[in-house]
């Protein structure tokens, strides 16, 4: 069976809506779209469709911060407290950039994923339109108590990556979303990656659908994302990101090695975590992944096989079972 036919079979079996792309040795092997980008208008998903990537954004945040570390505008040992000033007083004085990158800060999480339950039912604590800039997130970040001593253990934290975005903004005086464009997207040659507003989506952007039906996620997510989520991109840009990462075009190869080295075990995901990237060490996979209401995303690179692949999904379910089947297919 051809790769194209195998992908078609997987997509049919899981009723997948989105795009699957596989690259071998830096060249596209296949890129195929399934389902509808706009169910109301009958617009299909295709290789050029823009998709939200939820917490896949954290990989871009980590790369942005590491770029600032390499340029000397931050250090891994920079503590959050001086840059936060009077904001977020419950953040421990000892929390550093390094803790935040590795999800070992212990700060309280405004979006504790262990408590979310059914993603289709998740709603924000404030109206989505109130979260349009990184500074706006202070309203939801505040009041979250420190959970444990910084460095003590791994605990996945959305708040931690918004705090990283705040630190990056305040250290440079540049809006975080612009920093991602400057420090990651331009060096990597990404032309279709951006923090889009959910109320101003361009024609090529897929709407994110709750399961089942025609309801979209527009009332479930911030109107514009920040350090923990909210980027939109294409399968082609993700392939370019992996090529640029491996080539040291975004940050040095030494920094990439540090970011893709296991710093923590994450048994609930049957993986390990580096700094901004998930790791399946046994399979030599480096992964970016995320899920939100109406969004499912996994993208990975395997240096030993020369394979990279991406699964971008515009519905709550479907991305993970599709990726599991792809893991089996690609090895």
Protein backbone atom coordinates (compact mmCIF):
# COMPACT_ATOMS: atom_id res chain seq x y z
CA UNK A 1 0.00 0.00 0.00
CA UNK A 2 1.31 3.47 -0.88
CA UNK A 3 1.88 6.09 1.82
CA UNK A 4 -0.96 8.16 0.38
CA UNK A 5 -3.36 5.22 0.56
CA UNK A 6 -2.26 4.39 4.08
CA UNK A 7 -2.95 7.97 5.21
CA UNK A 8 -6.35 7.90 3.51
CA UNK A 9 -7.21 4.72 5.39
CA UNK A 10 -6.10 6.15 8.74
CA UNK A 11 -8.09 9.35 8.17
CA UNK A 12 -11.20 7.37 7.24
CA UNK A 13 -10.89 5.08 10.26
CA UNK A 14 -10.69 7.93 12.80
CA UNK A 15 -12.94 10.35 10.87
CA UNK A 16 -10.06 12.81 10.84
CA UNK A 17 -10.49 16.47 9.90
CA UNK A 18 -7.30 18.33 9.12
CA UNK A 19 -3.99 17.88 7.32
CA UNK A 20 -1.31 15.20 7.55
CA UNK A 21 2.16 15.81 6.14
CA UNK A 22 5.20 13.54 6.09
CA UNK A 23 8.71 14.61 5.03
CA UNK A 24 11.70 12.36 4.41
CA UNK A 25 15.25 13.76 4.45
CA UNK A 26 13.88 17.29 4.34
CA UNK A 27 11.72 16.75 1.25
CA UNK A 28 7.92 16.36 1.26
CA UNK A 29 6.79 12.78 0.80
CA UNK A 30 3.07 13.45 1.09
CA UNK A 31 0.70 16.19 2.30
CA UNK A 32 -3.03 15.50 2.35
CA UNK A 33 -6.11 17.30 3.62
CA UNK A 34 -9.28 15.72 5.02
CA UNK A 35 -12.62 17.03 6.18
CA UNK A 36 -13.82 20.62 6.21
CA UNK A 37 -12.04 23.84 7.14
CA UNK A 38 -15.44 25.58 7.06
CA UNK A 39 -18.32 23.17 7.53
CA UNK A 40 -20.93 25.88 6.95
CA UNK A 41 -19.49 26.83 3.56
CA UNK A 42 -18.25 23.42 2.46
CA UNK A 43 -14.60 24.57 2.24
CA UNK A 44 -12.27 21.57 2.51
CA UNK A 45 -9.01 21.34 4.41
CA UNK A 46 -5.95 21.35 2.15
CA UNK A 47 -2.16 21.46 2.40
CA UNK A 48 -2.20 25.28 2.61
CA UNK A 49 -4.88 25.53 5.31
CA UNK A 50 -3.92 27.40 8.50
CA UNK A 51 -4.57 25.58 11.78
CA UNK A 52 -4.29 26.50 15.42
CA UNK A 53 -1.68 24.44 17.25
CA UNK A 54 -2.68 25.05 20.89
CA UNK A 55 0.22 24.17 23.20
CA UNK A 56 2.46 23.47 20.22
CA UNK A 57 3.04 27.21 20.64
CA UNK A 58 5.18 26.43 23.68
CA UNK A 59 7.96 25.13 21.42
CA UNK A 60 8.01 28.52 19.66
CA UNK A 61 8.03 30.29 23.03
CA UNK A 62 10.96 28.20 24.24
CA UNK A 63 12.92 28.91 21.06
CA UNK A 64 12.20 32.63 21.38
CA UNK A 65 13.44 32.65 24.97
CA UNK A 66 16.54 30.61 24.11
CA UNK A 67 17.30 33.09 21.33
CA UNK A 68 17.16 35.88 23.92
CA UNK A 69 19.46 33.87 26.16
CA UNK A 70 21.97 33.51 23.32
CA UNK A 71 21.79 37.24 22.59
CA UNK A 72 22.33 38.06 26.26
CA UNK A 73 18.96 39.71 26.89
CA UNK A 74 18.00 36.95 29.32
CA UNK A 75 19.91 34.15 31.03
CA UNK A 76 18.71 30.73 32.13
CA UNK A 77 19.37 31.90 35.69
CA UNK A 78 17.36 35.12 35.32
CA UNK A 79 14.79 35.18 38.12
CA UNK A 80 11.26 36.18 37.28
CA UNK A 81 10.68 38.43 40.29
CA UNK A 82 12.69 41.54 39.20
CA UNK A 83 10.98 41.65 35.80
CA UNK A 84 7.54 40.96 37.25
CA UNK A 85 7.91 43.76 39.81
CA UNK A 86 4.69 44.09 41.80
CA UNK A 87 2.78 41.78 39.45
CA UNK A 88 2.05 38.16 40.41
CA UNK A 89 3.34 38.39 44.00
CA UNK A 90 2.60 34.69 44.62
CA UNK A 91 5.35 33.63 42.19
CA UNK A 92 8.28 32.38 44.29
CA UNK A 93 11.36 34.61 44.38
CA UNK A 94 13.54 31.67 43.30
CA UNK A 95 11.69 30.92 40.01
CA UNK A 96 14.08 31.21 37.05
CA UNK A 97 13.80 31.13 33.28
CA UNK A 98 15.28 27.63 33.39
CA UNK A 99 12.56 26.42 35.79
CA UNK A 100 9.84 27.88 33.58
CA UNK A 101 11.21 26.38 30.36
CA UNK A 102 11.30 22.90 31.87
CA UNK A 103 7.90 23.09 33.68
CA UNK A 104 9.67 22.86 37.03
CA UNK A 105 8.73 26.29 38.44
CA UNK A 106 5.93 25.13 40.73
CA UNK A 107 3.85 28.26 40.11
CA UNK A 108 0.07 27.92 40.22
CA UNK A 109 -1.58 27.30 36.86
CA UNK A 110 -4.49 29.37 35.56
CA UNK A 111 -5.38 26.45 33.27
CA UNK A 112 -4.63 23.26 35.19
CA UNK A 113 -5.08 20.59 32.55
CA UNK A 114 -5.51 17.86 35.15
CA UNK A 115 -8.73 19.63 36.19
CA UNK A 116 -10.12 20.46 32.73
CA UNK A 117 -12.03 17.24 31.96
CA UNK A 118 -13.93 17.31 28.66
CA UNK A 119 -12.24 19.88 26.43
CA UNK A 120 -15.52 20.55 24.64
CA UNK A 121 -16.93 21.85 27.93
CA UNK A 122 -13.95 24.02 28.88
CA UNK A 123 -14.50 27.77 29.22
CA UNK A 124 -12.19 30.58 30.33
CA UNK A 125 -12.53 32.27 33.70
CA UNK A 126 -12.89 35.61 31.88
CA UNK A 127 -14.45 36.65 28.61
CA UNK A 128 -12.20 35.58 25.68
CA UNK A 129 -12.03 39.12 24.26
CA UNK A 130 -10.24 40.30 27.41
CA UNK A 131 -7.16 38.23 26.53
CA UNK A 132 -5.61 39.93 23.51
CA UNK A 133 -2.11 40.88 24.74
CA UNK A 134 0.35 39.13 27.02
CA UNK A 135 -0.13 41.82 29.69
CA UNK A 136 -3.88 41.08 29.57
CA UNK A 137 -3.18 37.60 30.95
CA UNK A 138 -2.23 39.08 34.32
CA UNK A 139 -5.94 39.02 35.18
CA UNK A 140 -6.01 35.20 35.02
CA UNK A 141 -2.43 34.54 36.16
CA UNK A 142 -2.93 36.38 39.44
CA UNK A 143 -4.10 34.66 42.61
CA UNK A 144 -2.58 31.27 41.74
CA UNK A 145 -0.67 29.93 44.76
CA UNK A 146 2.78 28.39 44.43
CA UNK A 147 2.35 24.60 44.32
CA UNK A 148 5.86 23.47 45.24
CA UNK A 149 9.43 24.67 45.64
CA UNK A 150 11.00 25.70 42.29
CA UNK A 151 13.03 22.87 40.79
CA UNK A 152 11.49 20.18 42.99
CA UNK A 153 9.65 18.30 40.23
CA UNK A 154 7.97 18.45 36.82
CA UNK A 155 4.43 19.84 36.56
CA UNK A 156 3.16 20.96 33.17
CA UNK A 157 2.20 24.63 33.43
CA UNK A 158 0.39 26.91 31.02
CA UNK A 159 0.92 29.84 33.39
CA UNK A 160 4.66 29.20 33.32
CA UNK A 161 4.84 29.76 29.57
CA UNK A 162 2.74 32.94 29.73
CA UNK A 163 5.14 34.18 32.41
CA UNK A 164 8.02 33.39 30.03
CA UNK A 165 6.30 35.55 27.41
CA UNK A 166 5.93 38.36 29.96
CA UNK A 167 9.60 38.14 30.88
CA UNK A 168 10.62 38.22 27.21
CA UNK A 169 8.47 41.30 26.58
CA UNK A 170 9.74 43.16 29.59
CA UNK A 171 13.39 42.28 29.00
CA UNK A 172 13.30 43.50 25.39
CA UNK A 173 10.50 46.07 25.24
CA UNK A 174 9.10 44.17 22.23
CA UNK A 175 5.60 42.66 22.08
CA UNK A 176 5.92 38.92 22.58
CA UNK A 177 4.01 37.96 19.43
CA UNK A 178 6.41 40.14 17.42
CA UNK A 179 9.39 38.53 19.17
CA UNK A 180 8.25 35.10 17.97
CA UNK A 181 8.11 36.40 14.42
CA UNK A 182 11.54 38.03 14.72
CA UNK A 183 13.38 35.30 16.63
CA UNK A 184 11.82 32.11 15.24
CA UNK A 185 9.66 32.57 12.16
CA UNK A 186 11.95 34.78 10.09
CA UNK A 187 15.19 32.82 10.73
CA UNK A 188 13.34 29.58 9.96
CA UNK A 189 11.71 30.97 6.81
CA UNK A 190 8.16 30.50 8.10
CA UNK A 191 5.76 32.59 6.05
CA UNK A 192 2.39 31.27 7.27
CA UNK A 193 2.82 31.26 11.05
CA UNK A 194 1.24 33.96 13.23
CA UNK A 195 -0.82 34.75 16.30
CA UNK A 196 -4.15 35.28 14.54
CA UNK A 197 -7.12 36.86 16.26
CA UNK A 198 -10.02 34.43 16.40
CA UNK A 199 -12.41 37.22 15.36
CA UNK A 200 -10.31 38.17 12.30
CA UNK A 201 -9.38 34.82 10.75
CA UNK A 202 -8.25 34.96 7.10
CA UNK A 203 -9.92 32.86 4.44
CA UNK A 204 -7.32 30.08 4.54
CA UNK A 205 -7.76 29.48 8.27
CA UNK A 206 -9.74 26.48 9.46
CA UNK A 207 -12.37 27.04 12.09
CA UNK A 208 -11.97 24.86 15.16
CA UNK A 209 -14.98 22.64 15.80
CA UNK A 210 -16.24 21.12 19.01
CA UNK A 211 -17.35 17.51 18.76
CA UNK A 212 -19.87 17.00 17.26
CA UNK A 213 -21.76 19.51 15.13
CA UNK A 214 -21.17 23.03 13.84
CA UNK A 215 -20.28 24.78 17.10
CA UNK A 216 -16.87 26.47 16.92
CA UNK A 217 -14.30 27.20 19.63
CA UNK A 218 -14.43 30.99 19.30
CA UNK A 219 -15.98 31.41 22.77
CA UNK A 220 -13.63 28.89 24.42
CA UNK A 221 -10.17 30.35 23.75
CA UNK A 222 -8.45 33.75 24.13
CA UNK A 223 -9.11 36.07 21.21
CA UNK A 224 -5.32 36.14 20.68
CA UNK A 225 -2.81 33.73 22.13
CA UNK A 226 0.45 34.25 23.97
CA UNK A 227 3.27 32.09 25.35
CA UNK A 228 1.21 29.02 26.16
CA UNK A 229 -0.89 28.70 23.01
CA UNK A 230 -2.66 30.38 20.14
CA UNK A 231 -0.29 30.23 17.18
CA UNK A 232 -1.63 29.26 13.77
CA UNK A 233 0.50 27.64 11.08
CA UNK A 234 0.59 25.27 8.12
CA UNK A 235 2.03 21.82 7.59
CA UNK A 236 4.66 23.28 5.25
CA UNK A 237 5.84 25.78 7.86
CA UNK A 238 6.19 23.00 10.42
CA UNK A 239 8.37 21.00 8.04
CA UNK A 240 10.50 24.11 7.57
CA UNK A 241 10.70 24.60 11.34
CA UNK A 242 12.18 21.12 11.86
CA UNK A 243 14.72 21.68 9.08
CA UNK A 244 15.76 25.04 10.55
CA UNK A 245 15.94 23.62 14.06
CA UNK A 246 18.24 20.78 13.04
CA UNK A 247 20.43 23.19 11.04
CA UNK A 248 20.88 25.62 13.94
CA UNK A 249 19.18 28.44 12.02
CA UNK A 250 17.00 29.57 14.95
CA UNK A 251 19.28 28.94 17.91
CA UNK A 252 22.66 27.21 17.99
CA UNK A 253 22.90 23.44 17.63
CA UNK A 254 24.24 23.41 21.20
CA UNK A 255 21.08 25.13 22.42
CA UNK A 256 18.94 22.70 20.40
CA UNK A 257 20.77 19.79 22.03
CA UNK A 258 20.03 21.24 25.48
CA UNK A 259 16.35 21.83 24.64
CA UNK A 260 15.91 18.31 23.30
CA UNK A 261 17.71 16.61 26.19
CA UNK A 262 15.49 14.92 28.77
CA UNK A 263 15.22 17.08 31.89
CA UNK A 264 12.15 15.41 33.37
CA UNK A 265 10.08 12.26 33.19
CA UNK A 266 6.41 12.74 32.29
CA UNK A 267 4.91 9.31 32.99
CA UNK A 268 1.33 10.47 32.42
CA UNK A 269 2.29 11.10 28.77
CA UNK A 270 4.65 8.08 28.59
CA UNK A 271 7.31 10.56 27.51
CA UNK A 272 10.02 12.84 28.83
CA UNK A 273 10.33 16.61 28.61
CA UNK A 274 13.23 18.82 27.58
CA UNK A 275 12.74 22.57 27.34
CA UNK A 276 9.78 23.36 25.10
CA UNK A 277 9.73 19.93 23.49
CA UNK A 278 8.38 16.50 24.42
CA UNK A 279 10.70 13.54 23.91
CA UNK A 280 10.18 9.90 23.05
CA UNK A 281 13.79 8.90 23.59
CA UNK A 282 13.33 5.23 22.63
CA UNK A 283 12.10 6.25 19.17
CA UNK A 284 14.42 9.29 18.84
CA UNK A 285 11.35 11.51 18.46
CA UNK A 286 11.30 15.19 19.37
CA UNK A 287 7.72 16.39 19.52
CA UNK A 288 5.61 19.53 19.73
CA UNK A 289 1.99 18.89 20.61
CA UNK A 290 -1.16 20.45 21.95
CA UNK A 291 -4.90 20.24 22.30
CA UNK A 292 -7.67 22.75 22.90
CA UNK A 293 -11.40 22.82 22.27
CA UNK A 294 -11.59 22.46 18.50
CA UNK A 295 -7.81 21.96 18.10
CA UNK A 296 -5.58 18.90 17.97
CA UNK A 297 -1.90 18.98 17.06
CA UNK A 298 1.21 16.82 16.96
CA UNK A 299 4.40 17.39 15.00
CA UNK A 300 7.65 15.47 15.36
CA UNK A 301 11.10 14.90 13.96
CA UNK A 302 13.25 11.77 14.05
CA UNK A 303 16.89 12.52 13.29
CA UNK A 304 17.92 8.87 12.93
CA UNK A 305 15.37 8.16 10.18
CA UNK A 306 15.26 11.60 8.55
CA UNK A 307 11.49 11.68 9.01
CA UNK A 308 9.37 14.58 10.20
CA UNK A 309 5.59 14.55 10.28
CA UNK A 310 2.70 16.76 11.36
CA UNK A 311 -0.94 16.16 12.22
CA UNK A 312 -3.03 19.35 12.33
CA UNK A 313 -6.66 18.87 13.30
CA UNK A 314 -9.54 21.35 13.48
CA UNK A 315 -11.73 19.35 15.83
CA UNK A 316 -11.28 18.41 19.47
CA UNK A 317 -10.72 14.71 18.84
CA UNK A 318 -8.85 12.92 16.09
CA UNK A 319 -5.26 14.19 16.21
CA UNK A 320 -3.89 11.77 18.81
CA UNK A 321 -5.35 8.53 17.38
CA UNK A 322 -4.18 9.63 13.93
CA UNK A 323 -0.67 10.29 15.24
CA UNK A 324 -0.57 6.90 17.01
CA UNK A 325 -1.36 5.18 13.74
CA UNK A 326 1.30 7.26 12.00
CA UNK A 327 3.86 6.26 14.63
CA UNK A 328 3.16 2.63 13.79
CA UNK A 329 3.26 3.26 10.06
CA UNK A 330 6.47 5.29 9.98
CA UNK A 331 8.36 3.47 12.72
